[in-house]
Amino acid sequence: MSQQHPSPPAPEQLHPDHEPHRSALEKEFELERIILFSDAVFAIAITLVAIDIKFPEIPKGLKGAPLLHAFRPMIISFFAFAVSFLFIGQSWKTHLRLFRLLKTYDQGLIGRNLIFLFFIVTFPFTASSLRYMLDGIIIPIYLYMFNIAFVSIAQFALCRYMLYGKTRLAVEGEAAEKKYMYVKSKYAAIAMTVVAILLMTVTLLYPVNEDAVGSVCALAALFLVYSRRKARKYKPAKIPV
């Protein structure tokens, strides 16, 4: 009578947790790639804005008002770089805090993140166009302000999808921090959209009034301060820096 030998165990029986563990590692690696790609886009956008700053060619013996006039394009480019750097940096900071709450991802999140990064990477184009305002062209300020507004809207859409649309994407708990991030993004999107629309309305009504444009820019700063104060009351006692 022949002796029957037991068949060898299947690989999944030898290591029942191997596949889930491998899947978790793959997800973590893929999520890290999304974050690294996003960081690279932020860095490239800031670098390209800085590259646009060029020192003017100054003829010998140029002094006084003509010298200041020669420096005006560079001053505008540097101002655009400073504002863009601060805004892109703040957007990156919010993006970092938001992705700290991310556990996994889906195609919807990737798509929304790409749309957000698209408007980040358009900053070099809209910022470089601002120097044409010296020729009395007002369209560049429209492009720049709506660029800021679209970044804010896209970031809010990403935040809302991740924290309240597909809740399985975020880590468990952290309700206070999630609420804070949601409200902060929401108020920023509303504030910058209102400012962009108001700026377009004012400049269409008063096309040659530089004081009106300056007033709207000052109003933009007030809107941002107001939105931050509105969101601050939702800030948890302890939040990552």
Protein backbone atom coordinates (compact mmCIF):
# COMPACT_ATOMS: atom_id res chain seq x y z
CA MET A 1 0.00 0.00 0.00
CA SER A 2 1.60 3.25 -1.12
CA GLN A 3 1.97 6.02 1.44
CA GLN A 4 0.45 9.33 0.45
CA HIS A 5 2.52 12.40 1.21
CA PRO A 6 0.72 15.62 2.07
CA SER A 7 0.93 18.25 -0.63
CA PRO A 8 3.13 21.24 0.19
CA PRO A 9 1.29 24.25 1.54
CA ALA A 10 0.47 27.02 -0.88
CA PRO A 11 2.60 30.19 -0.65
CA GLU A 12 -0.30 32.16 0.80
CA GLN A 13 -0.67 29.49 3.50
CA LEU A 14 2.99 29.79 4.43
CA HIS A 15 2.75 33.54 4.78
CA PRO A 16 -0.89 34.51 5.11
CA ASP A 17 -0.03 38.14 5.82
CA HIS A 18 2.50 38.47 3.02
CA GLU A 19 0.15 39.78 0.32
CA PRO A 20 -1.64 42.36 2.48
CA HIS A 21 1.74 43.53 3.80
CA ARG A 22 3.14 43.84 0.27
CA SER A 23 0.05 45.73 -0.82
CA ALA A 24 0.40 48.15 2.09
CA LEU A 25 4.06 48.75 1.22
CA GLU A 26 3.16 49.37 -2.41
CA LYS A 27 0.46 51.84 -1.41
CA GLU A 28 2.88 53.66 0.88
CA PHE A 29 5.49 53.83 -1.88
CA GLU A 30 2.97 55.11 -4.43
CA LEU A 31 1.67 57.70 -1.98
CA GLU A 32 5.22 58.86 -1.35
CA ARG A 33 5.69 59.27 -5.10
CA ILE A 34 2.63 61.53 -5.27
CA ILE A 35 4.03 63.69 -2.47
CA LEU A 36 7.53 63.85 -4.00
CA PHE A 37 6.09 64.77 -7.39
CA SER A 38 4.03 67.53 -5.78
CA ASP A 39 7.06 68.89 -3.92
CA ALA A 40 9.05 68.94 -7.16
CA VAL A 41 6.34 70.98 -8.90
CA PHE A 42 6.34 73.53 -6.05
CA ALA A 43 10.13 73.84 -6.21
CA ILE A 44 10.19 74.19 -10.01
CA ALA A 45 7.45 76.85 -9.96
CA ILE A 46 9.34 79.01 -7.44
CA THR A 47 12.60 78.57 -9.36
CA LEU A 48 11.05 79.59 -12.68
CA VAL A 49 9.54 82.73 -11.12
CA ALA A 50 12.99 83.69 -9.78
CA ILE A 51 14.69 83.08 -13.15
CA ASP A 52 12.49 85.77 -14.70
CA ILE A 53 14.17 88.50 -12.60
CA LYS A 54 16.82 90.08 -14.82
CA PHE A 55 19.09 93.01 -14.02
CA PRO A 56 18.51 95.78 -16.58
CA GLU A 57 21.21 97.08 -18.91
CA ILE A 58 22.03 100.56 -17.63
CA PRO A 59 23.70 103.03 -20.00
CA LYS A 60 26.68 104.87 -18.56
CA GLY A 61 25.91 108.19 -16.91
CA LEU A 62 22.22 107.44 -16.35
CA LYS A 63 20.99 109.12 -13.17
CA GLY A 64 17.88 110.31 -11.38
CA ALA A 65 14.41 109.55 -12.71
CA PRO A 66 15.63 107.83 -15.91
CA LEU A 67 17.71 105.44 -13.79
CA LEU A 68 14.69 104.61 -11.62
CA HIS A 69 12.59 104.11 -14.76
CA ALA A 70 15.16 101.65 -16.11
CA PHE A 71 14.86 99.61 -12.92
CA ARG A 72 11.05 99.50 -12.94
CA PRO A 73 10.70 96.20 -14.87
CA MET A 74 13.11 94.51 -12.47
CA ILE A 75 11.30 95.96 -9.44
CA ILE A 76 7.96 94.65 -10.72
CA SER A 77 9.49 91.23 -11.47
CA PHE A 78 11.00 91.05 -7.99
CA PHE A 79 7.73 92.12 -6.38
CA ALA A 80 5.89 89.43 -8.38
CA PHE A 81 8.51 86.89 -7.28
CA ALA A 82 8.15 87.88 -3.60
CA VAL A 83 4.35 87.63 -3.67
CA SER A 84 4.46 84.38 -5.64
CA PHE A 85 7.07 82.90 -3.30
CA LEU A 86 4.95 83.70 -0.24
CA PHE A 87 1.75 82.37 -1.79
CA ILE A 88 3.33 79.22 -3.25
CA GLY A 89 5.12 78.62 0.04
CA GLN A 90 1.87 78.96 1.97
CA SER A 91 0.13 76.64 -0.47
CA TRP A 92 2.91 74.08 -0.03
CA LYS A 93 2.62 74.37 3.74
CA THR A 94 -1.13 73.71 3.56
CA HIS A 95 -0.55 70.86 1.10
CA LEU A 96 1.97 69.31 3.50
CA ARG A 97 -0.43 69.48 6.44
CA LEU A 98 -3.22 68.09 4.33
CA PHE A 99 -1.21 65.12 3.10
CA ARG A 100 -0.18 64.30 6.66
CA LEU A 101 -3.79 63.24 7.07
CA LEU A 102 -3.75 61.04 3.96
CA LYS A 103 -3.79 57.26 4.40
CA THR A 104 -4.35 56.09 0.84
CA TYR A 105 -5.38 57.53 -2.51
CA ASP A 106 -7.60 56.98 -5.52
CA GLN A 107 -7.80 58.33 -9.06
CA GLY A 108 -10.09 61.16 -7.97
CA LEU A 109 -7.50 62.46 -5.53
CA ILE A 110 -4.72 62.19 -8.13
CA GLY A 111 -6.79 64.15 -10.63
CA ARG A 112 -7.61 66.92 -8.16
CA ASN A 113 -4.00 67.11 -7.04
CA LEU A 114 -2.85 67.47 -10.66
CA ILE A 115 -5.35 70.28 -11.27
CA PHE A 116 -4.07 72.05 -8.15
CA LEU A 117 -0.44 71.62 -9.29
CA PHE A 118 -1.36 72.88 -12.77
CA PHE A 119 -2.35 76.25 -11.34
CA ILE A 120 0.79 76.28 -9.16
CA VAL A 121 3.05 75.78 -12.16
CA THR A 122 1.33 78.57 -14.15
CA PHE A 123 2.65 81.16 -11.68
CA PRO A 124 5.88 81.79 -13.68
CA PHE A 125 3.79 82.69 -16.73
CA THR A 126 1.30 84.98 -14.95
CA ALA A 127 4.00 86.57 -12.76
CA SER A 128 6.24 87.34 -15.75
CA SER A 129 3.33 89.02 -17.55
CA LEU A 130 2.99 91.66 -14.83
CA ARG A 131 5.84 93.77 -16.24
CA TYR A 132 3.67 94.54 -19.27
CA MET A 133 1.52 96.65 -16.97
CA LEU A 134 4.17 99.35 -17.52
CA ASP A 135 2.72 99.72 -21.02
CA GLY A 136 -0.77 100.28 -19.62
CA ILE A 137 -1.96 96.73 -20.26
CA ILE A 138 -4.29 95.58 -17.46
CA ILE A 139 -4.83 91.95 -18.54
CA PRO A 140 -1.71 90.66 -16.69
CA ILE A 141 -3.14 91.62 -13.29
CA TYR A 142 -6.33 89.73 -14.19
CA LEU A 143 -4.30 86.64 -15.06
CA TYR A 144 -2.25 86.85 -11.88
CA MET A 145 -5.16 87.40 -9.48
CA PHE A 146 -7.29 84.69 -11.08
CA ASN A 147 -4.26 82.37 -10.95
CA ILE A 148 -4.19 82.89 -7.16
CA ALA A 149 -7.95 82.39 -6.96
CA PHE A 150 -7.84 79.14 -8.98
CA VAL A 151 -5.03 77.78 -6.79
CA SER A 152 -7.15 78.48 -3.70
CA ILE A 153 -10.26 76.90 -5.26
CA ALA A 154 -8.33 73.82 -6.43
CA GLN A 155 -6.77 73.35 -3.00
CA PHE A 156 -10.17 73.60 -1.34
CA ALA A 157 -11.58 71.04 -3.79
CA LEU A 158 -8.70 68.69 -2.95
CA CYS A 159 -9.22 69.20 0.78
CA ARG A 160 -12.98 68.67 0.59
CA TYR A 161 -12.65 65.51 -1.52
CA MET A 162 -10.08 63.98 0.78
CA LEU A 163 -11.56 64.86 4.16
CA TYR A 164 -15.33 64.84 3.54
CA GLY A 165 -15.90 63.34 0.10
CA LYS A 166 -13.96 60.07 0.32
CA THR A 167 -13.36 59.80 4.05
CA ARG A 168 -11.65 56.41 3.68
CA LEU A 169 -8.65 58.20 2.16
CA ALA A 170 -7.82 60.01 5.40
CA VAL A 171 -6.53 58.62 8.67
CA GLU A 172 -8.99 57.84 11.42
CA GLY A 173 -9.75 60.51 14.01
CA GLU A 174 -8.09 63.94 13.94
CA ALA A 175 -11.54 65.51 13.62
CA ALA A 176 -10.46 68.91 14.94
CA GLU A 177 -7.50 69.19 12.58
CA LYS A 178 -9.61 68.06 9.61
CA LYS A 179 -12.22 70.70 10.39
CA TYR A 180 -9.55 73.37 10.67
CA MET A 181 -7.94 72.47 7.35
CA TYR A 182 -11.33 72.39 5.63
CA VAL A 183 -12.48 75.75 6.98
CA LYS A 184 -9.11 77.40 6.32
CA SER A 185 -9.11 76.26 2.68
CA LYS A 186 -12.74 77.25 2.24
CA TYR A 187 -12.31 80.81 3.51
CA ALA A 188 -9.12 81.28 1.46
CA ALA A 189 -10.91 80.16 -1.72
CA ILE A 190 -13.86 82.48 -1.09
CA ALA A 191 -11.64 85.45 -0.21
CA MET A 192 -9.37 85.20 -3.25
CA THR A 193 -12.26 84.59 -5.66
CA VAL A 194 -14.08 87.66 -4.36
CA VAL A 195 -10.91 89.76 -4.66
CA ALA A 196 -10.23 88.61 -8.24
CA ILE A 197 -13.79 89.38 -9.36
CA LEU A 198 -13.76 92.72 -7.52
CA LEU A 199 -10.45 93.66 -9.14
CA MET A 200 -11.78 92.92 -12.61
CA THR A 201 -14.95 94.91 -11.92
CA VAL A 202 -13.08 97.94 -10.58
CA THR A 203 -10.52 98.03 -13.39
CA LEU A 204 -13.26 97.75 -16.02
CA LEU A 205 -15.16 100.64 -14.46
CA TYR A 206 -12.01 102.74 -13.84
CA PRO A 207 -9.47 101.53 -16.43
CA VAL A 208 -6.89 104.30 -15.90
CA ASN A 209 -7.20 104.69 -12.16
CA GLU A 210 -4.09 103.19 -10.54
CA ASP A 211 -5.38 104.12 -7.09
CA ALA A 212 -8.36 101.80 -7.63
CA VAL A 213 -6.03 98.89 -8.39
CA GLY A 214 -3.97 99.70 -5.29
CA SER A 215 -7.12 99.82 -3.18
CA VAL A 216 -8.20 96.39 -4.40
CA CYS A 217 -4.74 94.98 -3.62
CA ALA A 218 -5.01 96.42 -0.11
CA LEU A 219 -8.48 94.92 0.13
CA ALA A 220 -7.02 91.56 -0.88
CA ALA A 221 -4.67 91.71 2.10
CA LEU A 222 -7.59 92.56 4.39
CA PHE A 223 -9.62 89.65 3.00
CA LEU A 224 -6.76 87.26 3.70
CA VAL A 225 -6.38 88.55 7.27
CA TYR A 226 -10.13 88.26 7.81
CA SER A 227 -10.28 84.71 6.40
CA ARG A 228 -7.38 83.64 8.62
CA ARG A 229 -9.10 85.04 11.69
CA LYS A 230 -12.34 83.29 10.80
CA ALA A 231 -10.51 80.00 10.42
CA ARG A 232 -8.36 80.47 13.53
CA LYS A 233 -11.23 79.79 15.90
CA TYR A 234 -11.38 76.24 14.48
CA LYS A 235 -7.66 75.70 15.03
CA PRO A 236 -7.07 72.82 17.45
CA ALA A 237 -4.99 73.41 20.54
CA LYS A 238 -2.24 71.19 19.17
CA ILE A 239 -1.50 71.05 15.45
CA PRO A 240 1.71 70.13 13.57
CA VAL A 241 3.80 73.16 12.70
